[in-house]
Amino acid sequence: MPTLKEQLEVVDEEIEKTRKHLLGLQSYHNSLLPICRLPDEVLALILKFCVTPTPGSQPAWIRVTHICRHWRRAALECPSMWDTPDFDHPRWAREMLSRAKAAPLRIHAAVNATRKGQQEVLQALQDMTRVSELHIPHRSQQMFSALIQPAPILHSLKLVNYQRPTKLELPENFLAVAPLVFEHYIYNVTTALRLEGLRLLHLNTGDRIPRTDSNFGGFLRALQSMQVLEALELFDFLPYGEPITHNANASTTLHKLRNVMVQGAPSGCVDLLNTITIPSSASVTIVTVVHRGSELIEVLPVLSRFAGIAEDQMNSVYLDLKQIRPHSEFVLKIFDRDLPDEPSYAPSRFMLRLRVLEPIFNHVPDNELNDAAKQVLAVLPLSRLQAVHFALRNGFSAEDFVQRLESLAQLHTIHVAGPCAVAFVEALCRHQGTSSQRPFSPLKARFDRPSAFVEGDTGVAFDRLLCELRQRSERGIAIHSIGIEHAANFDSDRYSRYAFLTSNMDEAPARQENYYSLEPKEKEPVYEVNIDSMANIEEQFRLLDEKIAQTKENLRSLHFQRNALIPICRLPSEILGLILTFCASDERLRRYGTTRLRMSWLWLTHVCQHWRAIALGCPAMWDTPDFSKPSLAREMLVRAKLAPLYIRATVRSDRVDRQEVLRDALRDMTRVAAIEIDTSLPLILDVLSRIIQPAPVLEKLCIYNERSTDRVILPDDFLAGNAPRLREVSLRYCMLHWGHMSKTLSGLRSLYLHGGESNRIPQSDLKAFLQAMQTMQLLQTLNIINVFPDGDSIVLDTITLSKLERVRVVDSINGCISLLNCIASPLAASIDIEGIVSQPGDCKKALAVLPRLFSIVQSRTQSCYICATDDQFEIKMFDQDLPRRPLFENSLFRFELSKRATNPVPLSGSEFYDFTKRFLELLPSLRVPAIYPILGSEFSAEDFSRYFGSLTELHTIAVQGSCAYAFIQAFHSSTSIHPPGDIPFSSLRNIVLKNMDYARCLDAGAWPAAGVRFVHALRHRLAQGKAIHCVNIRTCINFNIEQFDELKDVVRGVYRDGQSSNGDGKELEIDSSD
């Protein structure tokens, strides 16, 4: 009989043979597709076009080469697909360099490249004869040192210096021969390259060149030699200062220049434009900065020069003047075409953008800016102007409109915005006697954002315009077209009157608020595509698909045979079912919240058919339905068969589908083992209150109501009073009828009750509640929050719960006292009490309960943590040595008092201060070896000596902040006041000082400092034979090595934030015994 290994080898060989046969069929199927019948050269070009990588992006396009072997082979035989290595992934970059073969490389190095990525870049730069594009940042001189060899095919260079303000000077032999450099991008870099062959020059130095720097003059001379330059972009490159005087005859014309973009100082712009002559067909953009409105006049020579060049092509002008804090902005754009719809964003023939910097609290007056705008209009040759767009301020009046624009014979379009709209209406409505003398005769006007209409008389401006249009229409010189955009108080009535008086009425776009459409929208054409049928190809596809499906079925059968031979699949079904059930139950235990489940274990049922069959035959895997997905929950209820159900759900009243599934799950309570439901009042009344069947297997009942204001009491016959296996009950904002549930709750181990505002137990039902608790003799955990009624404490019969291990009570002081008086806790129980103080005198009531509680935990207490502030008091007792972080550790006993957030009666801080002092008087009876007090600044050194100095069994004390200073003062005062035999803190052995200034002076700044007094007291204790064993200094400022050495001489062990006196770097243990 063959062994298991031999059987597996036979099956694996058959599987491999079938897989190859399947791949062959799929390859033949793909070869019939039209795209796979293309020549390899054409397919490679298509792939190259589709997957051209973007420098710096993730190489997700590589997945295209994984479609099939044919595409992968075509991609590997196309070197240009791999000419841009991805240096963010060094190993992938190395592979791309090998696949690129001898193709020209595009080297784009990332700014944040890793060390391995930089090494790959240096490796690629070893052969510059292959580099066609080079974009690298300056991060190390080593990278630039490799660029001293010829680069015959380099046509794009970009160097970025990110080490500003460091100035980068390139060597003289940088790229020794680069005759084909077409694009030259340099950011924050100066270079000495030969630039005669440049097509595009982009310079951004980041730091302006000083006027005395001779490099700027050299740059201007080099610029004159760039006769094939097509684009010039200069950012922060032009220097400040007075313009350099140039000979007008020395200006050089760059005939190929098509685009000029300059951002810099006005004087630098003048120097640049005096050096070169720009062709009339070039597009020019100038962005400069001035410091006051009057400085706009300095750029007028530049403007007049460019305006003269563009005079024959000046069809429309856009002029905008706006206040953008903390600067004003002046924008002039000249177009060689009709005025575009959005001139502020459209490309223009010439653009001048001036930013006027100004102090935030002293902005430039409007008259300065408007005067500059008027002078700009005076400089411009407007004789051939056909359209203007003005967005100026109030300084541009009707007289300015008439003076600047009335004489323009070819002007047919005016677009005015803001305050200019009112001024233009006033200029338009001026009567000159005869019709031929009226201003702006053939005109098409548009009004955009006339803010003055909103601020002033909103109807007069429109009415005046309407009157003028009527008169012009009667005299035969009607306005050709008027457009109204963003205009307030322009309704449909005015629209109809305007449309009647004009030959055409343009409206705002459909997205605007005031839109009235006159023309129907054209429908988009519909194109039909006819596909010719290919009967022969389709038949081949059909036969191949059948063969592929049959081969896949054979491969699946072989996998099934192989899986049947694996050891885990030969386990008995019962054992494999237990394994799967354990995985599912372990996953469900790690849930997100109260009722939210983790269902990722479902993937186990998708591994193979055998595992799925085992899972479907194991009802225990499906006993916890996921009610967040109702369809899944229904399927799990079916698969659970007769197994006990664990109902965990969050259902709100608006999710009807979840409610229906929950009703089906709770219909048979004989199967339900646990109920954990977070829901609302309607569902509790509609679903849960109708559960009146016995629950013989129910072990856990948790009902969480979402609203604390709902008064919810479950019915008397809830669960038919029969749930013998119930062990845990948790109720939030709802209650039971305790008189009818006493028998049902007799076996409880854990009880959690959160009454809230509306579900406190009435005083008349307290007796029934205590009788029900008397039957819970197996109760171990009791957690009660806001359950007892408000008012004075109530005297009730005392009950004994011998198995109780933990008690937690959160309620008013009277409620806490009432519960503690009626429950006799065993000595082994831990107690956690949070009392809410709402009335003066509540603290005194709490003080009367503490001695009895202390008697329960006194024998087990080893350390004590006390925190007292103006509105809170907390004490925690531990059955171990003092923890490092006592605030976050579980304690043996915890008692906390705090003020109610919404307290109708104001409480003063003296309530807690007096309570703290009364409590500290009880400390001698506790016999606590270690104490960690955090007290307010009201506690002085005398208080420390009074309350802590007399504790005969106190071995360890930890203090911080103001308590540390008070303790040191009390500890130091004991050396001079008390006799040697009766000094305070006589039994003290360990001291911990935290969060203090070791050099701070005490007694209102009197010398010596705290550290000096502390060392003096320690030395005195050493001389008296009561030396301190250990001192821990934690996070104290002004504590240096000298103070550390001083402490080493007077105590046995010193610890300071990771360094100990014995040199082992280990914190000395705090010993609470002698």
Foldseek 3Di string as FASTA:
>chain_A
DDDLVVVLVVLVVVLVVLVVVLLVLVVVLVCLDPLNVDPLVVLLVVLCVVQVDDAPDDNPSVVVLVPHVSSVVSPLVNLVSLQEAHLLDLVRSVVSVVSNPQAAHAYAQDPPGDPSSVVSSQVVLQDLCRHQHEADEPDDVVSQVSQLEARARHAYYEYHYPPPPDEEEHDPSGNVHYPRHAYYHYALYDYDDQCQNYQEYAYHNVAEDEPPDCVVVVVLVSVLNNLNHAEYHYHNHFYDDAADDDDQVQAHENANYAEYAEEEALSSVVNNCSRYPYALNHAYEYEYEAAALLCLVSCLVVLLSNLVSPVVQFAEKEWAWADDPPWIKTKIFGASDPQDPDNVPDGGRYMYMYIHGYDNVDYHDLVSNVVSVLVSLVSHPCQNYAEYEYEGDQVCALVNCCVRPQPRPNHAEYEYEECVLLRVLVNQLDDDPDLVPRGNQAYAYEYYHHVVLVVDVVPPSLVSSLVSLQVSLVRVRHHAEYEYAPRPPCAPVSVVSVCVSHNYYDYDDPVGDHGDDDDDDDDDDDDDDDDDDDVVSVVVSVVSVVVSVVSVVVSLVSVVVSVCSDVVNPDPLVVLLVVLLVVLVVQQVPADDQQGGDDPSVVQLVPDVSSVVSPLVRLSSLQEAGLVDLVRSVVSVVSNPQAAHAYGDEDEPVPVSSLVSVQVVLVDLCRHAEHAYEYEDVSCVVRQLPQLAARARHAYYHYHHPDLQDEAERDLSRNPLHHCNHAYYAYACYYYQLQSNLNVQLAYAEYHYHNHDRRADDPVCVVSNVSSVLSNLNHAYYHYAAHHDDDAADDDAAHERANYAEYEYHHALSVVVNVVNRYDYALNHAYHYEHEDQDPPSLVSNVVCVVVVLVSCLVQFAEKEWEFDLFKTKIFTASDPDDPDVVPDDGRYMYMYGYDPDHPDDDTSVSRVVSVLSVLVCVLVSLHQEYEYHYDLVQALVNCCVRQQPNPQHAEYEYEDSRLQRVLVNLLVQLPPDDLVRGGPQNYAEYEYEHEALQQCPPVRDDDGSLVSNLVSLQSCVVSVRHHAEYEYEHYPPCDVVSVVSVVVRYNKYHYDQAIPVGPSDDDDRDSDD
